[in-house]
């Protein structure tokens, strides 16, 4: 277990730990995903370097998470997954396929704006 993660309070405690449905995220989930990730990584030691004023400007910190997620959302090698319950999104994961296989999978390398 990572030491920094053991210091964080749980973001959400599910009512039934055996029942955690997941689904592919939608674009409208990004604000909830950004909120979850900003809370989960708030005390990460690297944030003292990248976001030294996050305590004084919490909206800017959240805005940066949202901005980064919006950029990642349009990368065709990424898949976002969320867990959810009646209150909304409760957890998230982002998977990125590495290597040249992603080009064969989607055949959209001609469209890639990052190249």
Protein backbone atom coordinates (compact mmCIF):
# COMPACT_ATOMS: atom_id res chain seq x y z
CA UNK A 1 0.00 0.00 0.00
CA UNK A 2 1.26 3.46 -0.83
CA UNK A 3 2.10 5.49 2.23
CA UNK A 4 0.44 8.69 0.98
CA UNK A 5 -2.83 6.87 0.24
CA UNK A 6 -3.08 5.48 3.76
CA UNK A 7 -3.27 9.04 5.13
CA UNK A 8 -6.28 10.03 3.06
CA UNK A 9 -9.83 9.77 4.39
CA UNK A 10 -12.14 7.73 2.16
CA UNK A 11 -13.87 9.83 -0.48
CA UNK A 12 -16.96 7.63 -0.37
CA UNK A 13 -17.93 4.63 1.67
CA UNK A 14 -20.24 2.36 -0.32
CA UNK A 15 -23.24 0.98 1.52
CA UNK A 16 -22.48 -2.51 0.26
CA UNK A 17 -18.80 -3.26 -0.44
CA UNK A 18 -19.74 -6.30 -2.53
CA UNK A 19 -21.90 -4.27 -4.91
CA UNK A 20 -19.87 -1.76 -6.92
CA UNK A 21 -21.21 -1.45 -10.46
CA UNK A 22 -18.89 -0.02 -13.08
CA UNK A 23 -19.43 1.40 -16.55
CA UNK A 24 -17.59 3.35 -19.20
CA UNK A 25 -17.51 7.02 -18.31
CA UNK A 26 -19.38 9.63 -20.30
CA UNK A 27 -18.21 13.14 -21.06
CA UNK A 28 -20.73 14.49 -18.54
CA UNK A 29 -18.95 12.50 -15.79
CA UNK A 30 -15.74 14.53 -16.14
CA UNK A 31 -16.59 17.11 -13.48
CA UNK A 32 -17.30 14.38 -10.90
CA UNK A 33 -14.15 12.50 -11.94
CA UNK A 34 -12.08 15.68 -11.55
CA UNK A 35 -13.53 16.25 -8.10
CA UNK A 36 -12.71 12.68 -7.00
CA UNK A 37 -9.15 12.80 -8.36
CA UNK A 38 -8.42 16.24 -6.92
CA UNK A 39 -9.46 15.00 -3.47
CA UNK A 40 -7.62 11.69 -3.80
CA UNK A 41 -4.30 13.29 -4.78
CA UNK A 42 -4.61 16.50 -2.74
CA UNK A 43 -1.94 15.52 -0.19
CA UNK A 44 0.41 13.93 -2.72
CA UNK A 45 3.93 15.29 -2.04
CA UNK A 46 4.37 16.22 -5.71
CA UNK A 47 1.50 18.68 -5.40
CA UNK A 48 3.70 20.84 -3.18
CA UNK A 49 5.82 21.36 -6.28
CA UNK A 50 3.17 21.45 -9.03
CA UNK A 51 0.38 23.19 -7.06
CA UNK A 52 2.02 25.06 -4.17
CA UNK A 53 -0.96 27.43 -3.78
CA UNK A 54 -3.73 24.85 -4.00
CA UNK A 55 -4.90 25.63 -0.45
CA UNK A 56 -5.32 29.33 -1.23
CA UNK A 57 -6.85 28.70 -4.67
CA UNK A 58 -8.80 25.41 -4.52
CA UNK A 59 -10.92 26.31 -7.56
CA UNK A 60 -7.80 26.65 -9.70
CA UNK A 61 -6.57 23.25 -8.50
CA UNK A 62 -9.89 21.64 -9.46
CA UNK A 63 -9.94 23.53 -12.77
CA UNK A 64 -6.52 22.10 -13.65
CA UNK A 65 -7.72 18.55 -12.97
CA UNK A 66 -10.77 19.20 -15.14
CA UNK A 67 -8.62 20.64 -17.92
CA UNK A 68 -6.22 17.67 -17.89
CA UNK A 69 -9.13 15.22 -17.99
CA UNK A 70 -10.72 17.02 -20.92
CA UNK A 71 -7.47 16.69 -22.85
CA UNK A 72 -7.11 13.01 -21.96
CA UNK A 73 -10.74 12.30 -22.84
CA UNK A 74 -10.11 12.91 -26.54
CA UNK A 75 -7.04 10.68 -26.76
CA UNK A 76 -8.25 7.56 -28.51
CA UNK A 77 -5.88 5.28 -26.61
CA UNK A 78 -7.65 6.09 -23.29
CA UNK A 79 -10.64 4.42 -21.69
CA UNK A 80 -12.29 5.92 -18.61
CA UNK A 81 -14.25 3.71 -16.24
CA UNK A 82 -16.34 4.84 -13.27
CA UNK A 83 -17.98 3.15 -10.33
CA UNK A 84 -21.29 4.66 -9.31
CA UNK A 85 -24.28 4.49 -7.01
CA UNK A 86 -27.49 6.46 -6.54
CA UNK A 87 -25.57 9.61 -5.60
CA UNK A 88 -23.37 9.62 -8.73
CA UNK A 89 -19.79 8.69 -9.55
CA UNK A 90 -17.92 7.14 -6.60
CA UNK A 91 -14.61 6.10 -8.18
CA UNK A 92 -12.71 6.17 -11.43
CA UNK A 93 -9.93 4.59 -13.45
CA UNK A 94 -8.25 5.54 -16.70
CA UNK A 95 -6.65 2.90 -18.88
CA UNK A 96 -4.22 3.78 -21.65
CA UNK A 97 -3.12 1.30 -24.28
CA UNK A 98 0.58 1.64 -24.97
CA UNK A 99 2.57 0.75 -28.06
CA UNK A 100 1.65 0.72 -31.73
CA UNK A 101 -1.31 -1.65 -31.33
CA UNK A 102 -3.70 1.21 -30.61
CA UNK A 103 -3.22 2.49 -34.17
CA UNK A 104 -4.26 -0.86 -35.57
CA UNK A 105 -7.16 -1.13 -33.14
CA UNK A 106 -8.83 2.15 -34.09
CA UNK A 107 -7.14 2.97 -37.41
CA UNK A 108 -7.39 6.71 -36.75
CA UNK A 109 -3.72 7.68 -36.75
CA UNK A 110 -4.42 10.09 -39.60
CA UNK A 111 -6.72 12.02 -37.23
CA UNK A 112 -4.36 12.28 -34.27
CA UNK A 113 -3.92 16.02 -33.53
CA UNK A 114 -0.91 15.36 -31.29
CA UNK A 115 1.28 14.41 -34.24
